[in-house]
């Protein structure tokens, strides 16, 4: 097994998603035109910007922790339903945050 095996890289990816999710939680992502959930409402209202990004930050932290923990217990072959769970739940969370806070 090499140093950069599948579970090691996937665990690091999960921890990277956790770190990316903590940035909006601490208000480290100010309103801008390049990065984030940029809608008419979030760009015009600073309070809406921070509420939407804080909600999505929690989603990213939960997804990153799930990726990191589940990658420590690799099973082969991976069932296709497990591969679709992350994108489906992540997409649903993005839609929820958008309609709840940004639309």
PDB file of N, CA and C in Angstrom:
ATOM      1  N   UNK A   1       0.854  -1.177   0.000  1.00  0.00           N
ATOM      2  CA  UNK A   1       0.000   0.000   0.000  1.00  0.00           C
ATOM      3  C   UNK A   1       0.900   1.241   0.000  1.00  0.00           C
ATOM      4  N   UNK A   2       0.674   2.110  -0.933  1.00  0.00           N
ATOM      5  CA  UNK A   2       1.483   3.313  -1.014  1.00  0.00           C
ATOM      6  C   UNK A   2       0.994   4.364  -0.020  1.00  0.00           C
ATOM      7  N   UNK A   3       1.802   5.381   0.165  1.00  0.00           N
ATOM      8  CA  UNK A   3       1.458   6.446   1.106  1.00  0.00           C
ATOM      9  C   UNK A   3       0.203   7.189   0.669  1.00  0.00           C
ATOM     10  N   UNK A   4       0.051   7.399  -0.623  1.00  0.00           N
ATOM     11  CA  UNK A   4      -1.111   8.108  -1.160  1.00  0.00           C
ATOM     12  C   UNK A   4      -2.149   7.124  -1.674  1.00  0.00           C
ATOM     13  N   UNK A   5      -2.585   6.248  -0.808  1.00  0.00           N
ATOM     14  CA  UNK A   5      -3.596   5.277  -1.214  1.00  0.00           C
ATOM     15  C   UNK A   5      -4.963   5.942  -1.261  1.00  0.00           C
ATOM     16  N   UNK A   6      -5.940   5.233  -1.779  1.00  0.00           N
ATOM     17  CA  UNK A   6      -7.280   5.767  -1.937  1.00  0.00           C
ATOM     18  C   UNK A   6      -7.881   6.320  -0.658  1.00  0.00           C
ATOM     19  N   UNK A   7      -7.906   5.539   0.443  1.00  0.00           N
ATOM     20  CA  UNK A   7      -8.513   6.064   1.667  1.00  0.00           C
ATOM     21  C   UNK A   7      -7.792   7.294   2.225  1.00  0.00           C
ATOM     22  N   UNK A   8      -6.478   7.356   2.091  1.00  0.00           N
ATOM     23  CA  UNK A   8      -5.731   8.510   2.600  1.00  0.00           C
ATOM     24  C   UNK A   8      -6.116   9.772   1.846  1.00  0.00           C
ATOM     25  N   UNK A   9      -6.167   9.683   0.541  1.00  0.00           N
ATOM     26  CA  UNK A   9      -6.517  10.838  -0.280  1.00  0.00           C
ATOM     27  C   UNK A   9      -7.964  11.254  -0.023  1.00  0.00           C
ATOM     28  N   UNK A  10      -8.857  10.280   0.094  1.00  0.00           N
ATOM     29  CA  UNK A  10     -10.266  10.594   0.325  1.00  0.00           C
ATOM     30  C   UNK A  10     -10.477  11.206   1.697  1.00  0.00           C
ATOM     31  N   UNK A  11      -9.752  10.730   2.701  1.00  0.00           N
ATOM     32  CA  UNK A  11      -9.840  11.326   4.034  1.00  0.00           C
ATOM     33  C   UNK A  11      -9.350  12.770   4.000  1.00  0.00           C
ATOM     34  N   UNK A  12      -8.250  13.015   3.299  1.00  0.00           N
ATOM     35  CA  UNK A  12      -7.743  14.382   3.173  1.00  0.00           C
ATOM     36  C   UNK A  12      -8.734  15.272   2.434  1.00  0.00           C
ATOM     37  N   UNK A  13      -9.394  14.722   1.418  1.00  0.00           N
ATOM     38  CA  UNK A  13     -10.417  15.475   0.691  1.00  0.00           C
ATOM     39  C   UNK A  13     -11.569  15.847   1.633  1.00  0.00           C
ATOM     40  N   UNK A  14     -12.009  14.895   2.445  1.00  0.00           N
ATOM     41  CA  UNK A  14     -13.082  15.166   3.407  1.00  0.00           C
ATOM     42  C   UNK A  14     -12.693  16.251   4.397  1.00  0.00           C
ATOM     43  N   UNK A  15     -11.463  16.202   4.886  1.00  0.00           N
ATOM     44  CA  UNK A  15     -11.013  17.232   5.830  1.00  0.00           C
ATOM     45  C   UNK A  15     -10.887  18.585   5.143  1.00  0.00           C
ATOM     46  N   UNK A  16     -10.531  18.584   3.859  1.00  0.00           N
ATOM     47  CA  UNK A  16     -10.498  19.833   3.103  1.00  0.00           C
ATOM     48  C   UNK A  16     -11.887  20.438   2.956  1.00  0.00           C
ATOM     49  N   UNK A  17     -12.890  19.591   2.761  1.00  0.00           N
ATOM     50  CA  UNK A  17     -14.271  20.082   2.676  1.00  0.00           C
ATOM     51  C   UNK A  17     -14.708  20.643   4.029  1.00  0.00           C
ATOM     52  N   UNK A  18     -14.284  20.018   5.122  1.00  0.00           N
ATOM     53  CA  UNK A  18     -14.596  20.536   6.458  1.00  0.00           C
ATOM     54  C   UNK A  18     -13.987  21.922   6.637  1.00  0.00           C
ATOM     55  N   UNK A  19     -12.737  22.088   6.245  1.00  0.00           N
ATOM     56  CA  UNK A  19     -12.076  23.393   6.373  1.00  0.00           C
ATOM     57  C   UNK A  19     -12.773  24.430   5.510  1.00  0.00           C
ATOM     58  N   UNK A  20     -13.142  24.057   4.291  1.00  0.00           N
ATOM     59  CA  UNK A  20     -13.866  24.991   3.420  1.00  0.00           C
ATOM     60  C   UNK A  20     -15.218  25.354   4.015  1.00  0.00           C
ATOM     61  N   UNK A  21     -15.843  24.436   4.728  1.00  0.00           N
ATOM     62  CA  UNK A  21     -17.130  24.710   5.351  1.00  0.00           C
ATOM     63  C   UNK A  21     -17.042  25.597   6.569  1.00  0.00           C
ATOM     64  N   UNK A  22     -15.892  25.609   7.234  1.00  0.00           N
ATOM     65  CA  UNK A  22     -15.761  26.456   8.421  1.00  0.00           C
ATOM     66  C   UNK A  22     -15.535  27.921   8.067  1.00  0.00           C
ATOM     67  N   UNK A  23     -15.062  28.206   6.871  1.00  0.00           N
ATOM     68  CA  UNK A  23     -14.832  29.606   6.489  1.00  0.00           C
ATOM     69  C   UNK A  23     -16.104  30.446   6.570  1.00  0.00           C
ATOM     70  N   UNK A  24     -17.236  29.998   5.979  1.00  0.00           N
ATOM     71  CA  UNK A  24     -18.458  30.808   6.107  1.00  0.00           C
ATOM     72  C   UNK A  24     -18.998  30.844   7.534  1.00  0.00           C
ATOM     73  N   UNK A  25     -18.709  29.821   8.333  1.00  0.00           N
ATOM     74  CA  UNK A  25     -19.222  29.800   9.707  1.00  0.00           C
ATOM     75  C   UNK A  25     -18.625  30.920  10.540  1.00  0.00           C
ATOM     76  N   UNK A  26     -17.390  31.283  10.257  1.00  0.00           N
ATOM     77  CA  UNK A  26     -16.728  32.341  11.009  1.00  0.00           C
ATOM     78  C   UNK A  26     -16.787  33.689  10.306  1.00  0.00           C
ATOM     79  N   UNK A  27     -17.575  33.795   9.258  1.00  0.00           N
ATOM     80  CA  UNK A  27     -17.724  35.065   8.550  1.00  0.00           C
ATOM     81  C   UNK A  27     -16.510  35.445   7.733  1.00  0.00           C
ATOM     82  N   UNK A  28     -15.716  34.452   7.327  1.00  0.00           N
ATOM     83  CA  UNK A  28     -14.489  34.733   6.577  1.00  0.00           C
ATOM     84  C   UNK A  28     -14.735  34.890   5.082  1.00  0.00           C
ATOM     85  N   UNK A  29     -15.985  34.800   4.665  1.00  0.00           N
ATOM     86  CA  UNK A  29     -16.315  34.962   3.250  1.00  0.00           C
ATOM     87  C   UNK A  29     -17.255  36.148   3.106  1.00  0.00           C
ATOM     88  N   UNK A  30     -16.691  37.351   2.915  1.00  0.00           N
ATOM     89  CA  UNK A  30     -17.548  38.535   2.794  1.00  0.00           C
ATOM     90  C   UNK A  30     -18.274  38.550   1.451  1.00  0.00           C
ATOM     91  N   UNK A  31     -19.321  39.345   1.348  1.00  0.00           N
ATOM     92  CA  UNK A  31     -20.035  39.453   0.063  1.00  0.00           C
ATOM     93  C   UNK A  31     -19.086  39.890  -1.052  1.00  0.00           C
ATOM     94  N   UNK A  32     -19.118  39.168  -2.155  1.00  0.00           N
ATOM     95  CA  UNK A  32     -18.257  39.483  -3.286  1.00  0.00           C
ATOM     96  C   UNK A  32     -18.922  38.983  -4.561  1.00  0.00           C
ATOM     97  N   UNK A  33     -18.336  39.276  -5.691  1.00  0.00           N
ATOM     98  CA  UNK A  33     -18.919  38.897  -6.976  1.00  0.00           C
ATOM     99  C   UNK A  33     -18.270  37.657  -7.585  1.00  0.00           C
ATOM    100  N   UNK A  34     -17.327  37.012  -6.894  1.00  0.00           N
ATOM    101  CA  UNK A  34     -16.597  35.905  -7.490  1.00  0.00           C
ATOM    102  C   UNK A  34     -16.847  34.568  -6.811  1.00  0.00           C
ATOM    103  N   UNK A  35     -17.092  34.552  -5.522  1.00  0.00           N
ATOM    104  CA  UNK A  35     -17.164  33.296  -4.787  1.00  0.00           C
ATOM    105  C   UNK A  35     -18.362  33.299  -3.855  1.00  0.00           C
ATOM    106  N   UNK A  36     -19.119  32.225  -3.871  1.00  0.00           N
ATOM    107  CA  UNK A  36     -20.244  32.111  -2.960  1.00  0.00           C
ATOM    108  C   UNK A  36     -21.577  32.021  -3.680  1.00  0.00           C
ATOM    109  N   UNK A  37     -22.630  32.064  -2.899  1.00  0.00           N
ATOM    110  CA  UNK A  37     -23.996  31.993  -3.416  1.00  0.00           C
ATOM    111  C   UNK A  37     -24.419  33.416  -3.771  1.00  0.00           C
ATOM    112  N   UNK A  38     -24.248  33.774  -5.046  1.00  0.00           N
ATOM    113  CA  UNK A  38     -24.458  35.146  -5.493  1.00  0.00           C
ATOM    114  C   UNK A  38     -25.818  35.277  -6.161  1.00  0.00           C
ATOM    115  N   UNK A  39     -26.784  35.706  -5.397  1.00  0.00           N
ATOM    116  CA  UNK A  39     -28.111  35.998  -5.939  1.00  0.00           C
ATOM    117  C   UNK A  39     -28.394  37.477  -5.713  1.00  0.00           C
ATOM    118  N   UNK A  40     -29.463  37.953  -6.304  1.00  0.00           N
ATOM    119  CA  UNK A  40     -29.824  39.360  -6.129  1.00  0.00           C
ATOM    120  C   UNK A  40     -30.018  39.676  -4.642  1.00  0.00           C
ATOM    121  N   UNK A  41     -30.669  38.762  -3.928  1.00  0.00           N
ATOM    122  CA  UNK A  41     -30.950  38.999  -2.510  1.00  0.00           C
ATOM    123  C   UNK A  41     -29.682  38.988  -1.662  1.00  0.00           C
ATOM    124  N   UNK A  42     -28.797  38.000  -1.875  1.00  0.00           N
ATOM    125  CA  UNK A  42     -27.602  37.933  -1.033  1.00  0.00           C
ATOM    126  C   UNK A  42     -26.614  39.051  -1.341  1.00  0.00           C
ATOM    127  N   UNK A  43     -26.570  39.496  -2.589  1.00  0.00           N
ATOM    128  CA  UNK A  43     -25.655  40.591  -2.914  1.00  0.00           C
ATOM    129  C   UNK A  43     -26.176  41.944  -2.441  1.00  0.00           C
ATOM    130  N   UNK A  44     -27.490  42.086  -2.302  1.00  0.00           N
ATOM    131  CA  UNK A  44     -28.030  43.369  -1.862  1.00  0.00           C
ATOM    132  C   UNK A  44     -28.178  43.453  -0.339  1.00  0.00           C
ATOM    133  N   UNK A  45     -28.261  42.322   0.331  1.00  0.00           N
ATOM    134  CA  UNK A  45     -28.470  42.302   1.778  1.00  0.00           C
ATOM    135  C   UNK A  45     -27.341  41.518   2.441  1.00  0.00           C
ATOM    136  N   UNK A  46     -26.484  42.201   3.191  1.00  0.00           N
ATOM    137  CA  UNK A  46     -25.348  41.560   3.853  1.00  0.00           C
ATOM    138  C   UNK A  46     -25.808  40.508   4.851  1.00  0.00           C
ATOM    139  N   UNK A  47     -26.893  40.778   5.565  1.00  0.00           N
ATOM    140  CA  UNK A  47     -27.404  39.822   6.541  1.00  0.00           C
ATOM    141  C   UNK A  47     -27.836  38.524   5.849  1.00  0.00           C
ATOM    142  N   UNK A  48     -28.490  38.627   4.707  1.00  0.00           N
ATOM    143  CA  UNK A  48     -28.905  37.443   3.952  1.00  0.00           C
ATOM    144  C   UNK A  48     -27.690  36.667   3.448  1.00  0.00           C
ATOM    145  N   UNK A  49     -26.639  37.384   3.033  1.00  0.00           N
ATOM    146  CA  UNK A  49     -25.414  36.731   2.573  1.00  0.00           C
ATOM    147  C   UNK A  49     -24.842  35.849   3.671  1.00  0.00           C
ATOM    148  N   UNK A  50     -24.659  36.411   4.857  1.00  0.00           N
ATOM    149  CA  UNK A  50     -24.049  35.648   5.937  1.00  0.00           C
ATOM    150  C   UNK A  50     -24.954  34.522   6.437  1.00  0.00           C
ATOM    151  N   UNK A  51     -26.278  34.719   6.451  1.00  0.00           N
ATOM    152  CA  UNK A  51     -27.196  33.648   6.859  1.00  0.00           C
ATOM    153  C   UNK A  51     -27.129  32.474   5.894  1.00  0.00           C
ATOM    154  N   UNK A  52     -27.173  32.767   4.596  1.00  0.00           N
ATOM    155  CA  UNK A  52     -27.139  31.699   3.597  1.00  0.00           C
ATOM    156  C   UNK A  52     -25.817  30.936   3.643  1.00  0.00           C
ATOM    157  N   UNK A  53     -24.709  31.654   3.768  1.00  0.00           N
ATOM    158  CA  UNK A  53     -23.415  30.992   3.768  1.00  0.00           C
ATOM    159  C   UNK A  53     -23.143  30.250   5.076  1.00  0.00           C
ATOM    160  N   UNK A  54     -23.702  30.734   6.164  1.00  0.00           N
ATOM    161  CA  UNK A  54     -23.558  30.006   7.427  1.00  0.00           C
ATOM    162  C   UNK A  54     -24.317  28.684   7.347  1.00  0.00           C
ATOM    163  N   UNK A  55     -25.526  28.694   6.791  1.00  0.00           N
ATOM    164  CA  UNK A  55     -26.298  27.461   6.636  1.00  0.00           C
ATOM    165  C   UNK A  55     -25.561  26.489   5.719  1.00  0.00           C
ATOM    166  N   UNK A  56     -25.034  26.979   4.613  1.00  0.00           N
ATOM    167  CA  UNK A  56     -24.324  26.095   3.705  1.00  0.00           C
ATOM    168  C   UNK A  56     -22.997  25.641   4.291  1.00  0.00           C
ATOM    169  N   UNK A  57     -22.380  26.451   5.144  1.00  0.00           N
ATOM    170  CA  UNK A  57     -21.150  26.039   5.820  1.00  0.00           C
ATOM    171  C   UNK A  57     -21.371  24.806   6.684  1.00  0.00           C
ATOM    172  N   UNK A  58     -22.509  24.768   7.376  1.00  0.00           N
ATOM    173  CA  UNK A  58     -22.832  23.586   8.190  1.00  0.00           C
ATOM    174  C   UNK A  58     -23.028  22.362   7.311  1.00  0.00           C
ATOM    175  N   UNK A  59     -23.624  22.552   6.146  1.00  0.00           N
ATOM    176  CA  UNK A  59     -23.807  21.438   5.213  1.00  0.00           C
ATOM    177  C   UNK A  59     -22.443  20.913   4.767  1.00  0.00           C
ATOM    178  N   UNK A  60     -21.531  21.803   4.431  1.00  0.00           N
ATOM    179  CA  UNK A  60     -20.199  21.383   4.004  1.00  0.00           C
ATOM    180  C   UNK A  60     -19.450  20.664   5.118  1.00  0.00           C
ATOM    181  N   UNK A  61     -19.556  21.149   6.343  1.00  0.00           N
ATOM    182  CA  UNK A  61     -18.880  20.497   7.460  1.00  0.00           C
ATOM    183  C   UNK A  61     -19.424  19.079   7.650  1.00  0.00           C
ATOM    184  N   UNK A  62     -20.738  18.923   7.612  1.00  0.00           N
ATOM    185  CA  UNK A  62     -21.332  17.593   7.777  1.00  0.00           C
ATOM    186  C   UNK A  62     -20.914  16.662   6.643  1.00  0.00           C
ATOM    187  N   UNK A  63     -20.927  17.163   5.413  1.00  0.00           N
ATOM    188  CA  UNK A  63     -20.529  16.332   4.280  1.00  0.00           C
ATOM    189  C   UNK A  63     -19.052  15.962   4.361  1.00  0.00           C
ATOM    190  N   UNK A  64     -18.208  16.897   4.740  1.00  0.00           N
ATOM    191  CA  UNK A  64     -16.778  16.615   4.854  1.00  0.00           C
ATOM    192  C   UNK A  64     -16.481  15.596   5.939  1.00  0.00           C
ATOM    193  N   UNK A  65     -17.159  15.713   7.073  1.00  0.00           N
ATOM    194  CA  UNK A  65     -16.962  14.731   8.139  1.00  0.00           C
ATOM    195  C   UNK A  65     -17.436  13.352   7.694  1.00  0.00           C
ATOM    196  N   UNK A  66     -18.547  13.297   6.992  1.00  0.00           N
ATOM    197  CA  UNK A  66     -19.045  12.009   6.498  1.00  0.00           C
ATOM    198  C   UNK A  66     -18.056  11.391   5.514  1.00  0.00           C
ATOM    199  N   UNK A  67     -17.502  12.203   4.627  1.00  0.00           N
ATOM    200  CA  UNK A  67     -16.512  11.695   3.668  1.00  0.00           C
ATOM    201  C   UNK A  67     -15.283  11.174   4.399  1.00  0.00           C
ATOM    202  N   UNK A  68     -14.781  11.949   5.367  1.00  0.00           N
ATOM    203  CA  UNK A  68     -13.568  11.563   6.082  1.00  0.00           C
ATOM    204  C   UNK A  68     -13.773  10.286   6.894  1.00  0.00           C
ATOM    205  N   UNK A  69     -14.885  10.193   7.594  1.00  0.00           N
ATOM    206  CA  UNK A  69     -15.125   9.017   8.432  1.00  0.00           C
ATOM    207  C   UNK A  69     -15.377   7.784   7.575  1.00  0.00           C
ATOM    208  N   UNK A  70     -16.223   7.913   6.556  1.00  0.00           N
ATOM    209  CA  UNK A  70     -16.538   6.749   5.724  1.00  0.00           C
ATOM    210  C   UNK A  70     -15.344   6.276   4.905  1.00  0.00           C
ATOM    211  N   UNK A  71     -14.411   7.171   4.587  1.00  0.00           N
ATOM    212  CA  UNK A  71     -13.250   6.752   3.808  1.00  0.00           C
ATOM    213  C   UNK A  71     -12.259   5.948   4.646  1.00  0.00           C
ATOM    214  N   UNK A  72     -12.394   5.995   5.956  1.00  0.00           N
ATOM    215  CA  UNK A  72     -11.507   5.204   6.813  1.00  0.00           C
ATOM    216  C   UNK A  72     -11.899   3.728   6.827  1.00  0.00           C
ATOM    217  N   UNK A  73     -13.095   3.425   6.338  1.00  0.00           N
ATOM    218  CA  UNK A  73     -13.582   2.054   6.297  1.00  0.00           C
ATOM    219  C   UNK A  73     -13.938   1.687   4.864  1.00  0.00           C
ATOM    220  N   UNK A  74     -12.928   1.545   3.995  1.00  0.00           N
ATOM    221  CA  UNK A  74     -13.228   1.292   2.584  1.00  0.00           C
ATOM    222  C   UNK A  74     -13.806  -0.109   2.382  1.00  0.00           C
ATOM    223  N   UNK A  75     -14.765  -0.181   1.534  1.00  0.00           N
ATOM    224  CA  UNK A  75     -15.319  -1.468   1.121  1.00  0.00           C
ATOM    225  C   UNK A  75     -15.243  -1.534  -0.390  1.00  0.00           C
ATOM    226  N   UNK A  76     -14.831  -2.663  -0.893  1.00  0.00           N
ATOM    227  CA  UNK A  76     -14.706  -2.835  -2.334  1.00  0.00           C
ATOM    228  C   UNK A  76     -15.498  -4.060  -2.734  1.00  0.00           C
ATOM    229  N   UNK A  77     -16.274  -4.057  -3.751  1.00  0.00           N
ATOM    230  CA  UNK A  77     -16.591  -2.913  -4.602  1.00  0.00           C
ATOM    231  C   UNK A  77     -17.627  -2.016  -3.940  1.00  0.00           C
ATOM    232  N   UNK A  78     -17.605  -0.769  -4.288  1.00  0.00           N
ATOM    233  CA  UNK A  78     -18.539   0.208  -3.732  1.00  0.00           C
ATOM    234  C   UNK A  78     -19.853   0.111  -4.504  1.00  0.00           C
ATOM    235  N   UNK A  79     -20.922   0.069  -3.773  1.00  0.00           N
ATOM    236  CA  UNK A  79     -22.245  -0.019  -4.396  1.00  0.00           C
ATOM    237  C   UNK A  79     -22.570   1.320  -5.057  1.00  0.00           C
ATOM    238  N   UNK A  80     -23.133   1.318  -6.254  1.00  0.00           N
ATOM    239  CA  UNK A  80     -23.447   2.584  -6.950  1.00  0.00           C
ATOM    240  C   UNK A  80     -24.380   3.495  -6.156  1.00  0.00           C
ATOM    241  N   UNK A  81     -25.251   2.923  -5.340  1.00  0.00           N
ATOM    242  CA  UNK A  81     -26.149   3.759  -4.540  1.00  0.00           C
ATOM    243  C   UNK A  81     -25.364   4.601  -3.548  1.00  0.00           C
ATOM    244  N   UNK A  82     -24.269   4.053  -3.017  1.00  0.00           N
ATOM    245  CA  UNK A  82     -23.452   4.829  -2.085  1.00  0.00           C
ATOM    246  C   UNK A  82     -22.740   5.974  -2.794  1.00  0.00           C
ATOM    247  N   UNK A  83     -22.359   5.745  -4.040  1.00  0.00           N
ATOM    248  CA  UNK A  83     -21.690   6.810  -4.799  1.00  0.00           C
ATOM    249  C   UNK A  83     -22.647   7.950  -5.122  1.00  0.00           C
ATOM    250  N   UNK A  84     -23.924   7.657  -5.238  1.00  0.00           N
ATOM    251  CA  UNK A  84     -24.905   8.694  -5.564  1.00  0.00           C
ATOM    252  C   UNK A  84     -25.429   9.427  -4.333  1.00  0.00           C
ATOM    253  N   UNK A  85     -25.229   8.878  -3.156  1.00  0.00           N
ATOM    254  CA  UNK A  85     -25.775   9.477  -1.942  1.00  0.00           C
ATOM    255  C   UNK A  85     -25.215  10.873  -1.695  1.00  0.00           C
ATOM    256  N   UNK A  86     -23.914  11.033  -1.803  1.00  0.00           N
ATOM    257  CA  UNK A  86     -23.293  12.339  -1.549  1.00  0.00           C
ATOM    258  C   UNK A  86     -23.768  13.423  -2.495  1.00  0.00           C
ATOM    259  N   UNK A  87     -23.683  13.188  -3.810  1.00  0.00           N
ATOM    260  CA  UNK A  87     -24.159  14.229  -4.734  1.00  0.00           C
ATOM    261  C   UNK A  87     -25.646  14.535  -4.594  1.00  0.00           C
ATOM    262  N   UNK A  88     -26.452  13.522  -4.331  1.00  0.00           N
ATOM    263  CA  UNK A  88     -27.896  13.764  -4.204  1.00  0.00           C
ATOM    264  C   UNK A  88     -28.191  14.573  -2.951  1.00  0.00           C
ATOM    265  N   UNK A  89     -27.601  14.178  -1.815  1.00  0.00           N
ATOM    266  CA  UNK A  89     -27.828  14.924  -0.575  1.00  0.00           C
ATOM    267  C   UNK A  89     -27.205  16.321  -0.643  1.00  0.00           C
ATOM    268  N   UNK A  90     -26.019  16.429  -1.233  1.00  0.00           N
ATOM    269  CA  UNK A  90     -25.392  17.738  -1.391  1.00  0.00           C
ATOM    270  C   UNK A  90     -26.205  18.658  -2.281  1.00  0.00           C
ATOM    271  N   UNK A  91     -26.714  18.122  -3.376  1.00  0.00           N
ATOM    272  CA  UNK A  91     -27.561  18.914  -4.264  1.00  0.00           C
ATOM    273  C   UNK A  91     -28.843  19.348  -3.582  1.00  0.00           C
ATOM    274  N   UNK A  92     -29.448  18.440  -2.815  1.00  0.00           N
ATOM    275  CA  UNK A  92     -30.662  18.790  -2.079  1.00  0.00           C
ATOM    276  C   UNK A  92     -30.376  19.877  -1.051  1.00  0.00           C
ATOM    277  N   UNK A  93     -29.225  19.814  -0.403  1.00  0.00           N
ATOM    278  CA  UNK A  93     -28.866  20.837   0.578  1.00  0.00           C
ATOM    279  C   UNK A  93     -28.648  22.188  -0.095  1.00  0.00           C
ATOM    280  N   UNK A  94     -28.031  22.184  -1.260  1.00  0.00           N
ATOM    281  CA  UNK A  94     -27.814  23.437  -1.989  1.00  0.00           C
ATOM    282  C   UNK A  94     -29.158  24.060  -2.369  1.00  0.00           C
ATOM    283  N   UNK A  95     -30.079  23.248  -2.861  1.00  0.00           N
ATOM    284  CA  UNK A  95     -31.396  23.755  -3.234  1.00  0.00           C
ATOM    285  C   UNK A  95     -32.129  24.287  -2.008  1.00  0.00           C
ATOM    286  N   UNK A  96     -32.036  23.584  -0.887  1.00  0.00           N
ATOM    287  CA  UNK A  96     -32.693  24.026   0.354  1.00  0.00           C
ATOM    288  C   UNK A  96     -32.137  25.370   0.821  1.00  0.00           C
ATOM    289  N   UNK A  97     -30.820  25.504   0.850  1.00  0.00           N
ATOM    290  CA  UNK A  97     -30.209  26.768   1.279  1.00  0.00           C
ATOM    291  C   UNK A  97     -30.604  27.890   0.332  1.00  0.00           C
ATOM    292  N   UNK A  98     -30.611  27.615  -0.962  1.00  0.00           N
ATOM    293  CA  UNK A  98     -30.958  28.642  -1.929  1.00  0.00           C
ATOM    294  C   UNK A  98     -32.380  29.156  -1.703  1.00  0.00           C
ATOM    295  N   UNK A  99     -33.340  28.253  -1.633  1.00  0.00           N
ATOM    296  CA  UNK A  99     -34.733  28.693  -1.491  1.00  0.00           C
ATOM    297  C   UNK A  99     -35.066  29.194  -0.089  1.00  0.00           C
ATOM    298  N   UNK A 100     -34.339  28.740   0.916  1.00  0.00           N
ATOM    299  CA  UNK A 100     -34.608  29.174   2.284  1.00  0.00           C
ATOM    300  C   UNK A 100     -34.015  30.544   2.573  1.00  0.00           C
ATOM    301  N   UNK A 101     -32.823  30.794   2.081  1.00  0.00           N
ATOM    302  CA  UNK A 101     -32.096  32.007   2.482  1.00  0.00           C
ATOM    303  C   UNK A 101     -31.769  32.966   1.339  1.00  0.00           C
ATOM    304  N   UNK A 102     -31.640  32.480   0.120  1.00  0.00           N
ATOM    305  CA  UNK A 102     -31.099  33.331  -0.935  1.00  0.00           C
ATOM    306  C   UNK A 102     -32.088  33.738  -2.016  1.00  0.00           C
ATOM    307  N   UNK A 103     -33.186  33.052  -2.144  1.00  0.00           N
ATOM    308  CA  UNK A 103     -34.118  33.373  -3.227  1.00  0.00           C
ATOM    309  C   UNK A 103     -35.013  34.547  -2.877  1.00  0.00           C
TER     310      UNK A 103
END
